[in-house]
C-alpha atoms as a PDB file:
ATOM      1  CA  MET A   1      -4.558  38.758   8.655  1.00  0.00           C
ATOM      2  CA  LEU A   2      -6.748  35.927   7.628  1.00  0.00           C
ATOM      3  CA  GLY A   3      -4.761  34.956   4.790  1.00  0.00           C
ATOM      4  CA  ALA A   4      -1.631  34.774   7.367  1.00  0.00           C
ATOM      5  CA  LEU A   5      -3.779  32.340   9.185  1.00  0.00           C
ATOM      6  CA  VAL A   6      -4.542  30.312   6.521  1.00  0.00           C
ATOM      7  CA  LEU A   7      -1.076  29.991   5.373  1.00  0.00           C
ATOM      8  CA  ALA A   8      -0.208  28.960   9.036  1.00  0.00           C
ATOM      9  CA  ALA A   9      -2.533  26.869   8.955  1.00  0.00           C
ATOM     10  CA  GLY A  10      -1.152  25.286   5.440  1.00  0.00           C
ATOM     11  CA  VAL A  11       2.228  25.194   6.936  1.00  0.00           C
ATOM     12  CA  VAL A  12       1.401  23.163  10.197  1.00  0.00           C
ATOM     13  CA  VAL A  13      -0.617  20.557   8.039  1.00  0.00           C
ATOM     14  CA  GLU A  14       2.246  20.028   5.697  1.00  0.00           C
ATOM     15  CA  THR A  15       5.139  19.591   8.488  1.00  0.00           C
ATOM     16  CA  LEU A  16       3.203  17.386  10.724  1.00  0.00           C
ATOM     17  CA  PRO A  17       4.990  13.690  10.363  1.00  0.00           C
ATOM     18  CA  SER A  18       2.599  11.492   7.832  1.00  0.00           C
ATOM     19  CA  ALA A  19       2.212   7.678   8.416  1.00  0.00           C
ATOM     20  CA  ASP A  20       4.626   5.730   5.636  1.00  0.00           C
ATOM     21  CA  LEU A  21       4.939   2.153   5.338  1.00  0.00           C
ATOM     22  CA  THR A  22       3.980  -0.096   8.063  1.00  0.00           C
ATOM     23  CA  THR A  23       4.250  -3.957   8.574  1.00  0.00           C
ATOM     24  CA  ASP A  24       2.484  -6.186  11.000  1.00  0.00           C
ATOM     25  CA  VAL A  25       4.839  -8.369  11.477  1.00  0.00           C
ATOM     26  CA  THR A  26       7.391  -8.268  14.667  1.00  0.00           C
ATOM     27  CA  GLY A  27       9.389 -10.769  14.684  1.00  0.00           C
ATOM     28  CA  GLY A  28      10.137 -14.585  14.326  1.00  0.00           C
ATOM     29  CA  GLY A  29      10.851 -16.870  11.781  1.00  0.00           C
ATOM     30  CA  VAL A  30      10.414 -19.053   8.630  1.00  0.00           C
ATOM     31  CA  CYS A  31      12.413 -21.746   8.017  1.00  0.00           C
ATOM     32  CA  ILE A  32      12.768 -24.485   4.753  1.00  0.00           C
ATOM     33  CA  THR A  33      14.402 -27.482   6.269  1.00  0.00           C
ATOM     34  CA  ALA A  34      15.713 -29.930   3.281  1.00  0.00           C
ATOM     35  CA  ARG A  35      16.262 -33.622   3.829  1.00  0.00           C
ATOM     36  CA  GLN A  36      18.978 -34.905   5.024  1.00  0.00           C
ATOM     37  CA  GLY A  37      21.481 -35.752   1.999  1.00  0.00           C
ATOM     38  CA  SER A  38      20.313 -33.039   0.520  1.00  0.00           C
ATOM     39  CA  THR A  39      23.032 -31.208  -1.172  1.00  0.00           C
ATOM     40  CA  SER A  40      21.464 -28.148  -1.561  1.00  0.00           C
ATOM     41  CA  ALA A  41      18.359 -26.387  -0.329  1.00  0.00           C
ATOM     42  CA  ALA A  42      16.902 -22.905  -1.479  1.00  0.00           C
ATOM     43  CA  ALA A  43      14.133 -20.941  -0.980  1.00  0.00           C
ATOM     44  CA  TRP A  44      11.929 -17.669  -2.332  1.00  0.00           C
ATOM     45  CA  PHE A  45      10.989 -15.248   0.237  1.00  0.00           C
ATOM     46  CA  MET A  46       8.273 -12.153   0.670  1.00  0.00           C
ATOM     47  CA  GLY A  47       7.932  -9.782   3.098  1.00  0.00           C
ATOM     48  CA  ASP A  48       4.789  -7.645   2.579  1.00  0.00           C
ATOM     49  CA  PHE A  49       4.888  -3.558   3.865  1.00  0.00           C
ATOM     50  CA  ARG A  50       1.582  -1.570   3.334  1.00  0.00           C
ATOM     51  CA  ASN A  51       1.531   2.553   2.700  1.00  0.00           C
ATOM     52  CA  GLU A  52      -0.712   3.432   5.424  1.00  0.00           C
ATOM     53  CA  SER A  53      -0.662   7.510   4.061  1.00  0.00           C
ATOM     54  CA  ASP A  54      -2.604   9.228   2.196  1.00  0.00           C
ATOM     55  CA  HIS A  55      -0.341  10.249  -0.291  1.00  0.00           C
ATOM     56  CA  ASP A  56       2.143   7.893  -2.353  1.00  0.00           C
ATOM     57  CA  VAL A  57       5.429   7.346  -1.350  1.00  0.00           C
ATOM     58  CA  ARG A  58       8.437   6.355  -3.686  1.00  0.00           C
ATOM     59  CA  VAL A  59      10.691   3.546  -2.499  1.00  0.00           C
ATOM     60  CA  ARG A  60      14.241   4.572  -2.899  1.00  0.00           C
ATOM     61  CA  SER A  61      15.986   1.482  -1.498  1.00  0.00           C
ATOM     62  CA  VAL A  62      15.370  -2.300  -0.593  1.00  0.00           C
ATOM     63  CA  ARG A  63      17.688  -4.108   1.597  1.00  0.00           C
ATOM     64  CA  ILE A  64      18.353  -7.633   3.701  1.00  0.00           C
ATOM     65  CA  ASP A  65      19.950  -6.299   7.284  1.00  0.00           C
ATOM     66  CA  ARG A  66      22.164  -9.718   7.506  1.00  0.00           C
ATOM     67  CA  VAL A  67      22.706 -12.720   5.490  1.00  0.00           C
ATOM     68  CA  GLU A  68      24.370 -15.610   7.280  1.00  0.00           C
ATOM     69  CA  GLY A  69      25.076 -19.083   5.762  1.00  0.00           C
ATOM     70  CA  VAL A  70      22.995 -18.296   2.323  1.00  0.00           C
ATOM     71  CA  ARG A  71      23.463 -16.529  -0.818  1.00  0.00           C
ATOM     72  CA  LEU A  72      21.193 -13.551  -2.019  1.00  0.00           C
ATOM     73  CA  GLU A  73      20.357 -14.494  -5.217  1.00  0.00           C
ATOM     74  CA  HIS A  74      17.305 -12.424  -6.347  1.00  0.00           C
ATOM     75  CA  LEU A  75      15.949  -9.107  -4.402  1.00  0.00           C
ATOM     76  CA  ALA A  76      13.213  -7.211  -5.990  1.00  0.00           C
ATOM     77  CA  ILE A  77       9.819  -5.226  -5.382  1.00  0.00           C
ATOM     78  CA  ALA A  78       6.444  -6.577  -6.065  1.00  0.00           C
ATOM     79  CA  PRO A  79       4.133  -2.936  -6.122  1.00  0.00           C
ATOM     80  CA  SER A  80       0.594  -4.736  -6.673  1.00  0.00           C
ATOM     81  CA  PRO A  81       1.303  -8.854  -5.626  1.00  0.00           C
ATOM     82  CA  ASP A  82      -1.025 -11.149  -6.348  1.00  0.00           C
ATOM     83  CA  SER A  83      -0.569 -12.933  -2.169  1.00  0.00           C
ATOM     84  CA  SER A  84      -0.326 -10.107   0.998  1.00  0.00           C
ATOM     85  CA  ALA A  85       0.772 -12.486   3.525  1.00  0.00           C
ATOM     86  CA  PRO A  86       4.963 -13.110   3.914  1.00  0.00           C
ATOM     87  CA  GLY A  87       5.649 -16.825   3.256  1.00  0.00           C
ATOM     88  CA  LEU A  88       8.231 -19.063   1.910  1.00  0.00           C
ATOM     89  CA  ILE A  89       8.474 -21.491  -0.126  1.00  0.00           C
ATOM     90  CA  GLY A  90      11.076 -23.777  -0.372  1.00  0.00           C
ATOM     91  CA  THR A  91      12.247 -24.927  -3.775  1.00  0.00           C
ATOM     92  CA  ASP A  92      15.282 -25.086  -6.085  1.00  0.00           C
ATOM     93  CA  SER A  93      14.136 -23.754  -8.925  1.00  0.00           C
ATOM     94  CA  ALA A  94      15.457 -20.420 -10.291  1.00  0.00           C
ATOM     95  CA  ALA A  95      11.928 -18.729 -11.246  1.00  0.00           C
ATOM     96  CA  ARG A  96       9.842 -16.526  -8.746  1.00  0.00           C
ATOM     97  CA  PRO A  97       6.674 -18.721  -8.058  1.00  0.00           C
ATOM     98  CA  ALA A  98       3.194 -17.104  -9.621  1.00  0.00           C
ATOM     99  CA  GLU A  99       1.791 -16.387  -6.562  1.00  0.00           C
ATOM    100  CA  TYR A 100       5.063 -13.250  -5.497  1.00  0.00           C
ATOM    101  CA  GLY A 101       3.142 -11.463  -8.565  1.00  0.00           C
ATOM    102  CA  SER A 102       5.168  -9.556 -11.091  1.00  0.00           C
ATOM    103  CA  THR A 103       8.406  -7.819  -9.849  1.00  0.00           C
ATOM    104  CA  VAL A 104      10.545  -4.856 -10.659  1.00  0.00           C
ATOM    105  CA  PRO A 105      14.631  -4.131  -9.617  1.00  0.00           C
ATOM    106  CA  VAL A 106      14.753  -2.534  -6.014  1.00  0.00           C
ATOM    107  CA  ASP A 107      16.099   0.434  -7.762  1.00  0.00           C
ATOM    108  CA  SER A 108      13.219   1.056 -10.211  1.00  0.00           C
ATOM    109  CA  GLY A 109      11.848   4.053  -8.737  1.00  0.00           C
ATOM    110  CA  VAL A 110       8.388   2.580  -7.616  1.00  0.00           C
ATOM    111  CA  VAL A 111       5.753   4.347  -5.761  1.00  0.00           C
ATOM    112  CA  VAL A 112       3.315   2.833  -3.537  1.00  0.00           C
ATOM    113  CA  ARG A 113       0.267   4.372  -3.702  1.00  0.00           C
ATOM    114  CA  ALA A 114      -1.924   5.886  -1.136  1.00  0.00           C
ATOM    115  CA  HIS A 115      -3.326   2.596   1.427  1.00  0.00           C
ATOM    116  CA  GLY A 116      -1.736   0.660  -1.015  1.00  0.00           C
ATOM    117  CA  GLU A 117       1.005  -2.254  -0.798  1.00  0.00           C
ATOM    118  CA  LEU A 118       4.425  -3.366  -1.339  1.00  0.00           C
ATOM    119  CA  ASP A 119       5.756  -6.651  -1.504  1.00  0.00           C
ATOM    120  CA  VAL A 120       9.525  -7.459  -0.866  1.00  0.00           C
ATOM    121  CA  VAL A 121      10.642 -10.982  -2.902  1.00  0.00           C
ATOM    122  CA  GLY A 122      13.722 -12.708  -2.523  1.00  0.00           C
ATOM    123  CA  ARG A 123      15.816 -16.204  -3.127  1.00  0.00           C
ATOM    124  CA  ILE A 124      17.858 -17.845  -1.489  1.00  0.00           C
ATOM    125  CA  VAL A 125      20.905 -20.322  -1.861  1.00  0.00           C
ATOM    126  CA  LEU A 126      22.188 -22.268   1.050  1.00  0.00           C
ATOM    127  CA  GLU A 127      26.075 -21.812   0.671  1.00  0.00           C
ATOM    128  CA  PRO A 128      27.503 -25.220  -0.249  1.00  0.00           C
ATOM    129  CA  ASP A 129      29.542 -26.089   3.301  1.00  0.00           C
ATOM    130  CA  ARG A 130      26.896 -25.224   5.099  1.00  0.00           C
ATOM    131  CA  ASP A 131      23.879 -26.780   6.555  1.00  0.00           C
ATOM    132  CA  ASP A 132      22.039 -23.644   7.837  1.00  0.00           C
ATOM    133  CA  GLY A 133      21.852 -19.930   7.031  1.00  0.00           C
ATOM    134  CA  TYR A 134      19.370 -17.229   7.079  1.00  0.00           C
ATOM    135  CA  ALA A 135      18.257 -13.997   5.773  1.00  0.00           C
ATOM    136  CA  ARG A 136      17.036 -11.673   8.151  1.00  0.00           C
ATOM    137  CA  GLY A 137      15.378  -8.380   8.170  1.00  0.00           C
ATOM    138  CA  ILE A 138      13.805  -6.652   5.392  1.00  0.00           C
ATOM    139  CA  THR A 139      14.270  -2.361   5.261  1.00  0.00           C
ATOM    140  CA  VAL A 140      12.517  -0.471   2.696  1.00  0.00           C
ATOM    141  CA  THR A 141      13.979   3.346   2.522  1.00  0.00           C
ATOM    142  CA  THR A 142      10.906   5.474   0.939  1.00  0.00           C
ATOM    143  CA  GLN A 143      10.916   9.450   0.401  1.00  0.00           C
ATOM    144  CA  ASP A 144       7.396  11.284   0.416  1.00  0.00           C
ATOM    145  CA  ARG A 145       5.814  13.744  -1.834  1.00  0.00           C
ATOM    146  CA  LEU A 146       7.814  16.348   0.399  1.00  0.00           C
ATOM    147  CA  GLY A 147      10.818  14.787   0.121  1.00  0.00           C
ATOM    148  CA  ARG A 148      11.621  13.605   3.291  1.00  0.00           C
ATOM    149  CA  VAL A 149      13.193  10.349   3.373  1.00  0.00           C
ATOM    150  CA  ARG A 150      12.648   7.665   5.432  1.00  0.00           C
ATOM    151  CA  ALA A 151      12.959   3.945   6.326  1.00  0.00           C
ATOM    152  CA  VAL A 152      10.861   0.753   8.111  1.00  0.00           C
ATOM    153  CA  SER A 153      11.950  -2.578   9.076  1.00  0.00           C
ATOM    154  CA  GLN A 154      10.307  -6.084   9.270  1.00  0.00           C
ATOM    155  CA  PRO A 155      12.503  -7.974  11.620  1.00  0.00           C
ATOM    156  CA  ILE A 156      11.576 -11.187   9.603  1.00  0.00           C
ATOM    157  CA  ALA A 157      13.981 -14.372   9.013  1.00  0.00           C
ATOM    158  CA  PHE A 158      13.671 -16.742   6.115  1.00  0.00           C
ATOM    159  CA  GLY A 159      15.874 -19.371   6.577  1.00  0.00           C
ATOM    160  CA  VAL A 160      17.329 -23.031   4.908  1.00  0.00           C
ATOM    161  CA  GLY A 161      18.954 -26.180   6.193  1.00  0.00           C
ATOM    162  CA  ILE A 162      19.275 -29.252   5.337  1.00  0.00           C
ATOM    163  CA  ASP A 163      17.732 -31.530   8.146  1.00  0.00           C
ATOM    164  CA  GLN A 164      17.602 -30.752  11.597  1.00  0.00           C
ATOM    165  CA  GLY A 165      20.293 -27.946  10.711  1.00  0.00           C
ATOM    166  CA  GLN A 166      18.825 -24.701  11.784  1.00  0.00           C
ATOM    167  CA  GLU A 167      19.059 -24.039  15.729  1.00  0.00           C
ATOM    168  CA  PRO A 168      15.502 -22.472  16.514  1.00  0.00           C
ATOM    169  CA  GLY A 169      17.151 -19.492  18.490  1.00  0.00           C
ATOM    170  CA  VAL A 170      18.841 -18.171  15.534  1.00  0.00           C
ATOM    171  CA  ILE A 171      16.267 -17.162  13.311  1.00  0.00           C
ATOM    172  CA  GLY A 172      13.086 -18.027  15.739  1.00  0.00           C
ATOM    173  CA  CYS A 173      11.374 -21.409  13.640  1.00  0.00           C
ATOM    174  CA  PRO A 174      11.062 -23.486  16.360  1.00  0.00           C
ATOM    175  CA  GLY A 175      10.460 -26.844  15.410  1.00  0.00           C
ATOM    176  CA  THR A 176      12.993 -26.962  12.630  1.00  0.00           C
END
């Protein structure tokens, strides 16, 4: 009888839902605007996630939910970021900013340690025939030690434009 109770308690603990990756971002956007007359605009962006659970989770996939008017030229993850705040760095340089830490491919099977952080780093470049564009929403799919698959989305948008090209309502960047 006692053995059955101990076994039942173990099953209950293991089957209760556990926290996984979370994000403090509930929406909004960050924009970079190049000067009038510019022939291109590009930016590196970063979104951050935190593993709130007491166990490790394996990253299965990362995707940008919507891309409009820009090319997504780079997408990677940084399991031990040097900076823990979402951001956008406007530059035409293809080199990853040092602040974004060491990155690895999104399909590398990175494990985010319990209470650890994960950054998603990408580069967007404005399409040649556009005055503005954006990448919106970062979704990370993970798998826990019991094989459960979960997805969490960060609803932030990152935009680039030339002069006043980016409409505030499009991605939530007032004043651009």
